[in-house]
Amino acid sequence: MIAGPQLGGDTLEAQAQVLKILTHPTRIAILNILRDGEHCVCHLEAYLGLRQSYISQQLAVLREAGLIQDRRDGWNIFYRVINPRVFTVLDAVEAFTGQTPVGLKPQAIECSCPHCAGTKSGH
């Protein structure tokens, strides 16, 4: 019997971990929202219609995985994607499934973050 190539366990494990992180619909939605730049949790709440605590849990998973980074500005915390190559993966999955995510539109919310405070409509 001929032995196959040695599989790099650490390399494969790291790749599998990234794919596991990307298997959650809310995390995929968060990453898609962050495509156009950083957003605060209030924006993510408006787009997703989910509780802040639940969104924060998913943001923590993405941050621990090294996919996003946060920046504090007073009381607000803004999130952004660290490595935009994650969008290549998401785009490949979209092409593979043939399904485009439904456009996320913000709901009307009151937000005092610097981004919203500087606009008349709030978003």
C-alpha atoms as a PDB file:
ATOM      1  CA  MET A   1       0.000   0.000   0.000  1.00  0.00           C
ATOM      2  CA  ILE A   2       1.356   3.422  -0.953  1.00  0.00           C
ATOM      3  CA  ALA A   3       1.148   6.037   1.733  1.00  0.00           C
ATOM      4  CA  GLY A   4      -0.543   9.314   0.825  1.00  0.00           C
ATOM      5  CA  PRO A   5       0.976  12.709   1.493  1.00  0.00           C
ATOM      6  CA  GLN A   6       1.345  13.740   5.088  1.00  0.00           C
ATOM      7  CA  LEU A   7      -1.392  16.117   6.035  1.00  0.00           C
ATOM      8  CA  GLY A   8      -0.309  19.161   8.001  1.00  0.00           C
ATOM      9  CA  GLY A   9      -2.562  18.737  11.035  1.00  0.00           C
ATOM     10  CA  ASP A  10      -2.015  22.252  12.338  1.00  0.00           C
ATOM     11  CA  THR A  11      -2.621  23.795   8.909  1.00  0.00           C
ATOM     12  CA  LEU A  12      -5.774  21.799   8.289  1.00  0.00           C
ATOM     13  CA  GLU A  13      -7.040  22.498  11.792  1.00  0.00           C
ATOM     14  CA  ALA A  14      -6.545  26.243  11.305  1.00  0.00           C
ATOM     15  CA  GLN A  15      -8.408  26.120   8.000  1.00  0.00           C
ATOM     16  CA  ALA A  16     -11.228  24.085   9.536  1.00  0.00           C
ATOM     17  CA  GLN A  17     -11.527  26.591  12.402  1.00  0.00           C
ATOM     18  CA  VAL A  18     -12.012  29.484   9.975  1.00  0.00           C
ATOM     19  CA  LEU A  19     -14.675  27.533   8.104  1.00  0.00           C
ATOM     20  CA  LYS A  20     -16.428  26.677  11.387  1.00  0.00           C
ATOM     21  CA  ILE A  21     -16.550  30.357  12.286  1.00  0.00           C
ATOM     22  CA  LEU A  22     -18.165  31.102   8.925  1.00  0.00           C
ATOM     23  CA  THR A  23     -20.934  28.504   9.346  1.00  0.00           C
ATOM     24  CA  HIS A  24     -23.179  30.766  11.425  1.00  0.00           C
ATOM     25  CA  PRO A  25     -25.775  32.843   9.502  1.00  0.00           C
ATOM     26  CA  THR A  26     -25.553  35.823  11.872  1.00  0.00           C
ATOM     27  CA  ARG A  27     -21.763  35.947  11.618  1.00  0.00           C
ATOM     28  CA  ILE A  28     -22.012  35.835   7.811  1.00  0.00           C
ATOM     29  CA  ALA A  29     -24.556  38.674   7.922  1.00  0.00           C
ATOM     30  CA  ILE A  30     -22.304  40.735  10.220  1.00  0.00           C
ATOM     31  CA  LEU A  31     -19.346  40.292   7.886  1.00  0.00           C
ATOM     32  CA  ASN A  32     -21.474  41.299   4.898  1.00  0.00           C
ATOM     33  CA  ILE A  33     -22.619  44.446   6.713  1.00  0.00           C
ATOM     34  CA  LEU A  34     -18.980  45.278   7.479  1.00  0.00           C
ATOM     35  CA  ARG A  35     -18.056  45.085   3.779  1.00  0.00           C
ATOM     36  CA  ASP A  36     -18.531  48.832   3.409  1.00  0.00           C
ATOM     37  CA  GLY A  37     -16.459  49.756   6.458  1.00  0.00           C
ATOM     38  CA  GLU A  38     -16.757  49.936  10.198  1.00  0.00           C
ATOM     39  CA  HIS A  39     -20.065  49.979  12.039  1.00  0.00           C
ATOM     40  CA  CYS A  40     -21.104  50.251  15.654  1.00  0.00           C
ATOM     41  CA  VAL A  41     -23.324  47.697  17.372  1.00  0.00           C
ATOM     42  CA  CYS A  42     -26.332  50.025  17.043  1.00  0.00           C
ATOM     43  CA  HIS A  43     -26.020  49.766  13.266  1.00  0.00           C
ATOM     44  CA  LEU A  44     -25.733  45.990  13.405  1.00  0.00           C
ATOM     45  CA  GLU A  45     -28.854  45.890  15.600  1.00  0.00           C
ATOM     46  CA  ALA A  46     -30.709  48.020  13.056  1.00  0.00           C
ATOM     47  CA  TYR A  47     -29.683  45.851  10.123  1.00  0.00           C
ATOM     48  CA  LEU A  48     -30.197  42.491  11.809  1.00  0.00           C
ATOM     49  CA  GLY A  49     -33.126  43.200  14.110  1.00  0.00           C
ATOM     50  CA  LEU A  50     -31.454  41.161  16.847  1.00  0.00           C
ATOM     51  CA  ARG A  51     -30.684  41.881  20.499  1.00  0.00           C
ATOM     52  CA  GLN A  52     -27.445  43.702  21.253  1.00  0.00           C
ATOM     53  CA  SER A  53     -26.270  40.949  23.610  1.00  0.00           C
ATOM     54  CA  TYR A  54     -26.670  38.279  20.919  1.00  0.00           C
ATOM     55  CA  ILE A  55     -24.855  40.390  18.337  1.00  0.00           C
ATOM     56  CA  SER A  56     -22.065  41.030  20.858  1.00  0.00           C
ATOM     57  CA  GLN A  57     -21.648  37.278  21.356  1.00  0.00           C
ATOM     58  CA  GLN A  58     -21.215  36.782  17.620  1.00  0.00           C
ATOM     59  CA  LEU A  59     -18.832  39.739  17.388  1.00  0.00           C
ATOM     60  CA  ALA A  60     -16.720  38.183  20.158  1.00  0.00           C
ATOM     61  CA  VAL A  61     -16.426  34.950  18.159  1.00  0.00           C
ATOM     62  CA  LEU A  62     -15.375  36.865  15.043  1.00  0.00           C
ATOM     63  CA  ARG A  63     -12.896  38.966  17.034  1.00  0.00           C
ATOM     64  CA  GLU A  64     -11.349  35.929  18.761  1.00  0.00           C
ATOM     65  CA  ALA A  65     -10.970  34.291  15.354  1.00  0.00           C
ATOM     66  CA  GLY A  66      -9.019  37.329  14.149  1.00  0.00           C
ATOM     67  CA  LEU A  67     -11.554  38.262  11.478  1.00  0.00           C
ATOM     68  CA  ILE A  68     -12.646  41.606  12.929  1.00  0.00           C
ATOM     69  CA  GLN A  69     -11.201  44.317  15.128  1.00  0.00           C
ATOM     70  CA  ASP A  70     -12.881  46.828  17.380  1.00  0.00           C
ATOM     71  CA  ARG A  71     -12.176  50.487  18.049  1.00  0.00           C
ATOM     72  CA  ARG A  72     -13.573  52.420  20.989  1.00  0.00           C
ATOM     73  CA  ASP A  73     -14.733  56.001  20.493  1.00  0.00           C
ATOM     74  CA  GLY A  74     -16.195  57.248  23.777  1.00  0.00           C
ATOM     75  CA  TRP A  75     -19.150  55.021  24.650  1.00  0.00           C
ATOM     76  CA  ASN A  76     -19.269  53.518  21.172  1.00  0.00           C
ATOM     77  CA  ILE A  77     -17.383  50.526  19.886  1.00  0.00           C
ATOM     78  CA  PHE A  78     -16.895  50.264  16.149  1.00  0.00           C
ATOM     79  CA  TYR A  79     -16.119  47.001  14.360  1.00  0.00           C
ATOM     80  CA  ARG A  80     -14.307  46.445  11.086  1.00  0.00           C
ATOM     81  CA  VAL A  81     -12.967  43.509   9.104  1.00  0.00           C
ATOM     82  CA  ILE A  82      -9.218  43.050   9.535  1.00  0.00           C
ATOM     83  CA  ASN A  83      -8.560  40.950   6.452  1.00  0.00           C
ATOM     84  CA  PRO A  84     -10.831  41.599   3.480  1.00  0.00           C
ATOM     85  CA  ARG A  85      -9.850  38.224   1.968  1.00  0.00           C
ATOM     86  CA  VAL A  86     -12.684  36.778   4.071  1.00  0.00           C
ATOM     87  CA  PHE A  87     -15.009  38.344   1.491  1.00  0.00           C
ATOM     88  CA  THR A  88     -13.417  36.169  -1.197  1.00  0.00           C
ATOM     89  CA  VAL A  89     -14.492  33.128   0.827  1.00  0.00           C
ATOM     90  CA  LEU A  90     -18.005  34.503   1.326  1.00  0.00           C
ATOM     91  CA  ASP A  91     -18.267  35.367  -2.370  1.00  0.00           C
ATOM     92  CA  ALA A  92     -17.122  31.854  -3.316  1.00  0.00           C
ATOM     93  CA  VAL A  93     -19.795  30.319  -1.072  1.00  0.00           C
ATOM     94  CA  GLU A  94     -22.386  32.618  -2.632  1.00  0.00           C
ATOM     95  CA  ALA A  95     -21.296  31.553  -6.120  1.00  0.00           C
ATOM     96  CA  PHE A  96     -21.258  27.886  -5.087  1.00  0.00           C
ATOM     97  CA  THR A  97     -24.776  27.993  -3.641  1.00  0.00           C
ATOM     98  CA  GLY A  98     -26.117  30.343  -6.297  1.00  0.00           C
ATOM     99  CA  GLN A  99     -27.860  32.276  -3.547  1.00  0.00           C
ATOM    100  CA  THR A 100     -27.265  35.951  -2.910  1.00  0.00           C
ATOM    101  CA  PRO A 101     -27.956  37.239   0.600  1.00  0.00           C
ATOM    102  CA  VAL A 102     -31.101  39.325   0.781  1.00  0.00           C
ATOM    103  CA  GLY A 103     -30.193  42.988   1.020  1.00  0.00           C
ATOM    104  CA  LEU A 104     -30.014  44.096   4.617  1.00  0.00           C
ATOM    105  CA  LYS A 105     -31.698  47.423   5.263  1.00  0.00           C
ATOM    106  CA  PRO A 106     -31.501  49.271   8.555  1.00  0.00           C
ATOM    107  CA  GLN A 107     -34.626  49.717  10.605  1.00  0.00           C
ATOM    108  CA  ALA A 108     -35.337  53.144  12.085  1.00  0.00           C
ATOM    109  CA  ILE A 109     -33.416  53.479  15.351  1.00  0.00           C
ATOM    110  CA  GLU A 110     -32.193  56.213  17.623  1.00  0.00           C
ATOM    111  CA  CYS A 111     -28.420  56.198  17.704  1.00  0.00           C
ATOM    112  CA  SER A 112     -26.072  58.708  19.275  1.00  0.00           C
ATOM    113  CA  CYS A 113     -22.866  57.391  17.754  1.00  0.00           C
ATOM    114  CA  PRO A 114     -20.710  59.992  15.951  1.00  0.00           C
ATOM    115  CA  HIS A 115     -21.628  58.505  12.574  1.00  0.00           C
ATOM    116  CA  CYS A 116     -25.380  58.887  13.138  1.00  0.00           C
ATOM    117  CA  ALA A 117     -25.146  62.172  15.010  1.00  0.00           C
ATOM    118  CA  GLY A 118     -23.479  63.701  11.944  1.00  0.00           C
ATOM    119  CA  THR A 119     -26.315  62.749   9.586  1.00  0.00           C
ATOM    120  CA  LYS A 120     -29.828  64.091   9.440  1.00  0.00           C
ATOM    121  CA  SER A 121     -31.545  60.743   8.697  1.00  0.00           C
ATOM    122  CA  GLY A 122     -29.588  58.810  11.307  1.00  0.00           C
ATOM    123  CA  HIS A 123     -27.949  56.408   8.817  1.00  0.00           C
END
